[in-house]
Amino acid sequence: MFAKPQSEHEWFQPLLGDWDFAHECDGPDGSTQSARGTVRATTFGGLWYLLECNGVSPEGDPWTSLFSLGYDPTKQRYVGTFIASMMTHLWVYEGKLDEQQRLVLNVEGPKFDGTGMTQYQDEIEIASPDHWILRSRMQLDDGQWQQFMEGHHHRLTK
């Protein structure tokens, strides 16, 4: 009756542990903003992986976010959600591994300028056992994809 982890769930195993991160993000006004903080990645029985992030905004305000990631064998897709203390939108992801074994998650969310919704992709690349990268891009009105964030995560503990 209880679900069992599938081979696809093993992809998340290298993310477990404590990490520090540095993110560079292009703001809507063309400026670049930096964020630093920590991530604690845990699992619920090997089916769900939770990445709790804590950081401080450039203005000095603390923030927290939570990524839930898993694999849905019925959909044959990786799935997840994202919430953060600085926004009210619930991000609901669905995706797959690309040819380089990077997890590419698709999601719809609000445009930076508040004029509606657009498509986003978050990509997780496990660069080494002690380093993973998160990249975010959004689809522009002309259909092109523009990367606006890259974050490097380095292991503190397993």
Protein backbone atom coordinates (compact mmCIF):
# COMPACT_ATOMS: atom_id res chain seq x y z
CA MET A 1 0.00 0.00 0.00
CA PHE A 2 2.83 2.45 0.78
CA ALA A 3 4.72 3.86 -2.20
CA LYS A 4 8.31 2.77 -2.58
CA PRO A 5 11.14 4.89 -3.96
CA GLN A 6 11.83 4.29 -7.64
CA SER A 7 15.25 4.34 -9.29
CA GLU A 8 14.48 7.93 -10.38
CA HIS A 9 14.37 9.02 -6.72
CA GLU A 10 18.06 8.13 -6.38
CA TRP A 11 18.92 11.19 -8.48
CA PHE A 12 18.22 13.38 -5.40
CA GLN A 13 20.54 11.47 -3.01
CA PRO A 14 23.63 13.64 -3.69
CA LEU A 15 21.69 16.73 -2.57
CA LEU A 16 21.24 15.47 1.00
CA GLY A 17 23.12 17.37 3.69
CA ASP A 18 23.99 20.95 4.57
CA TRP A 19 25.21 23.46 2.00
CA ASP A 20 26.18 27.09 1.72
CA PHE A 21 25.25 28.98 -1.43
CA ALA A 22 25.97 32.10 -3.42
CA HIS A 23 23.39 33.19 -6.01
CA GLU A 24 23.73 35.91 -8.63
CA CYS A 25 20.43 37.22 -9.98
CA ASP A 26 19.68 39.77 -12.68
CA GLY A 27 17.02 42.17 -11.47
CA PRO A 28 14.23 43.50 -13.69
CA ASP A 29 16.02 46.86 -13.84
CA GLY A 30 19.19 45.26 -15.25
CA SER A 31 21.11 45.32 -11.98
CA THR A 32 22.77 42.22 -10.54
CA GLN A 33 21.91 41.15 -7.01
CA SER A 34 23.75 38.63 -4.85
CA ALA A 35 22.33 36.32 -2.21
CA ARG A 36 24.15 34.11 0.24
CA GLY A 37 22.83 31.60 2.71
CA THR A 38 22.46 27.95 3.64
CA VAL A 39 20.44 24.96 2.48
CA ARG A 40 19.51 21.88 4.49
CA ALA A 41 18.36 18.98 2.30
CA THR A 42 16.46 16.11 3.94
CA THR A 43 14.20 13.32 2.73
CA PHE A 44 10.83 11.82 3.65
CA GLY A 45 11.44 8.10 3.20
CA GLY A 46 13.33 8.51 -0.05
CA LEU A 47 10.18 9.65 -1.88
CA TRP A 48 10.34 13.39 -1.20
CA TYR A 49 13.35 15.63 -0.81
CA LEU A 50 13.04 18.93 1.03
CA LEU A 51 15.51 21.76 0.50
CA GLU A 52 15.07 24.46 3.13
CA CYS A 53 16.99 27.61 2.27
CA ASN A 54 17.78 30.54 4.55
CA GLY A 55 19.37 33.80 3.51
CA VAL A 56 19.36 37.56 3.85
CA SER A 57 18.20 39.99 1.17
CA PRO A 58 20.48 42.77 -0.09
CA GLU A 59 18.43 45.08 2.15
CA GLY A 60 19.25 42.92 5.19
CA ASP A 61 15.88 41.17 5.52
CA PRO A 62 15.98 37.44 6.38
CA TRP A 63 14.11 35.04 4.13
CA THR A 64 13.32 31.31 3.98
CA SER A 65 12.26 29.10 1.11
CA LEU A 66 11.28 25.46 0.77
CA PHE A 67 11.66 23.30 -2.33
CA SER A 68 9.90 19.90 -2.29
CA LEU A 69 11.11 17.51 -4.98
CA GLY A 70 10.16 13.98 -5.93
CA TYR A 71 9.29 11.66 -8.78
CA ASP A 72 5.75 10.67 -9.80
CA PRO A 73 5.85 7.24 -11.49
CA THR A 74 2.26 7.66 -12.75
CA LYS A 75 3.18 10.85 -14.65
CA GLN A 76 6.71 9.56 -15.33
CA ARG A 77 7.90 13.04 -14.40
CA TYR A 78 9.87 14.71 -11.66
CA VAL A 79 7.58 16.96 -9.62
CA GLY A 80 7.94 19.60 -6.96
CA THR A 81 6.79 22.77 -5.29
CA PHE A 82 8.47 25.96 -4.13
CA ILE A 83 7.36 28.50 -1.54
CA ALA A 84 9.25 31.44 -0.09
CA SER A 85 8.72 33.94 2.71
CA MET A 86 9.10 36.87 0.30
CA MET A 87 6.35 35.88 -2.16
CA THR A 88 2.77 34.62 -2.20
CA HIS A 89 2.90 32.47 -5.35
CA LEU A 90 2.95 28.67 -4.97
CA TRP A 91 5.24 27.30 -7.68
CA VAL A 92 4.25 23.80 -8.92
CA TYR A 93 6.91 22.05 -11.01
CA GLU A 94 7.02 19.19 -13.46
CA GLY A 95 10.06 18.09 -15.43
CA LYS A 96 12.61 15.52 -16.47
CA LEU A 97 16.33 14.87 -16.75
CA ASP A 98 18.05 16.23 -19.86
CA GLU A 99 20.82 14.49 -21.83
CA GLN A 100 23.47 15.72 -19.36
CA GLN A 101 21.48 14.34 -16.38
CA ARG A 102 20.46 17.83 -15.23
CA LEU A 103 16.98 18.08 -13.74
CA VAL A 104 14.94 20.60 -15.74
CA LEU A 105 11.74 21.66 -13.98
CA ASN A 106 9.05 23.64 -15.81
CA VAL A 107 6.68 26.00 -14.00
CA GLU A 108 4.39 28.95 -14.63
CA GLY A 109 4.79 32.03 -12.47
CA PRO A 110 4.30 35.78 -12.31
CA LYS A 111 6.36 38.03 -14.57
CA PHE A 112 8.89 40.27 -12.83
CA ASP A 113 6.96 43.39 -13.86
CA GLY A 114 3.64 42.08 -12.52
CA THR A 115 1.88 42.18 -15.92
CA GLY A 116 0.80 38.55 -15.95
CA MET A 117 2.25 35.07 -16.00
CA THR A 118 5.05 33.43 -17.97
CA GLN A 119 6.92 30.14 -18.19
CA TYR A 120 10.02 29.49 -16.10
CA GLN A 121 12.55 26.67 -15.90
CA ASP A 122 14.71 25.79 -12.94
CA GLU A 123 17.63 23.50 -13.68
CA ILE A 124 19.56 21.55 -11.06
CA GLU A 125 22.98 20.24 -12.04
CA ILE A 126 25.00 18.03 -9.72
CA ALA A 127 28.51 19.20 -10.65
CA SER A 128 30.32 17.00 -8.10
CA PRO A 129 29.57 15.29 -4.77
CA ASP A 130 30.30 18.59 -3.02
CA HIS A 131 28.89 21.12 -5.52
CA TRP A 132 25.54 21.60 -7.24
CA ILE A 133 24.21 24.43 -9.37
CA LEU A 134 20.73 25.92 -9.64
CA ARG A 135 19.94 27.96 -12.75
CA SER A 136 16.68 29.81 -13.41
CA ARG A 137 15.43 31.16 -16.70
CA MET A 138 12.21 32.71 -17.92
CA GLN A 139 10.49 32.75 -21.28
CA LEU A 140 10.32 36.22 -22.80
CA ASP A 141 7.38 37.56 -24.80
CA ASP A 142 9.20 36.67 -28.04
CA GLY A 143 9.50 33.00 -26.96
CA GLN A 144 13.23 33.15 -26.20
CA TRP A 145 14.58 31.89 -22.87
CA GLN A 146 16.66 34.21 -20.69
CA GLN A 147 18.70 32.96 -17.74
CA PHE A 148 18.38 35.37 -14.81
CA MET A 149 19.88 33.44 -11.90
CA GLU A 150 22.74 31.04 -11.20
CA GLY A 151 23.47 29.70 -7.74
CA HIS A 152 26.40 27.59 -6.59
CA HIS A 153 25.98 25.34 -3.57
CA HIS A 154 28.96 23.89 -1.72
CA ARG A 155 28.74 21.09 0.82
CA LEU A 156 29.13 21.82 4.51
CA THR A 157 28.13 18.33 5.81
CA LYS A 158 26.54 15.10 4.55
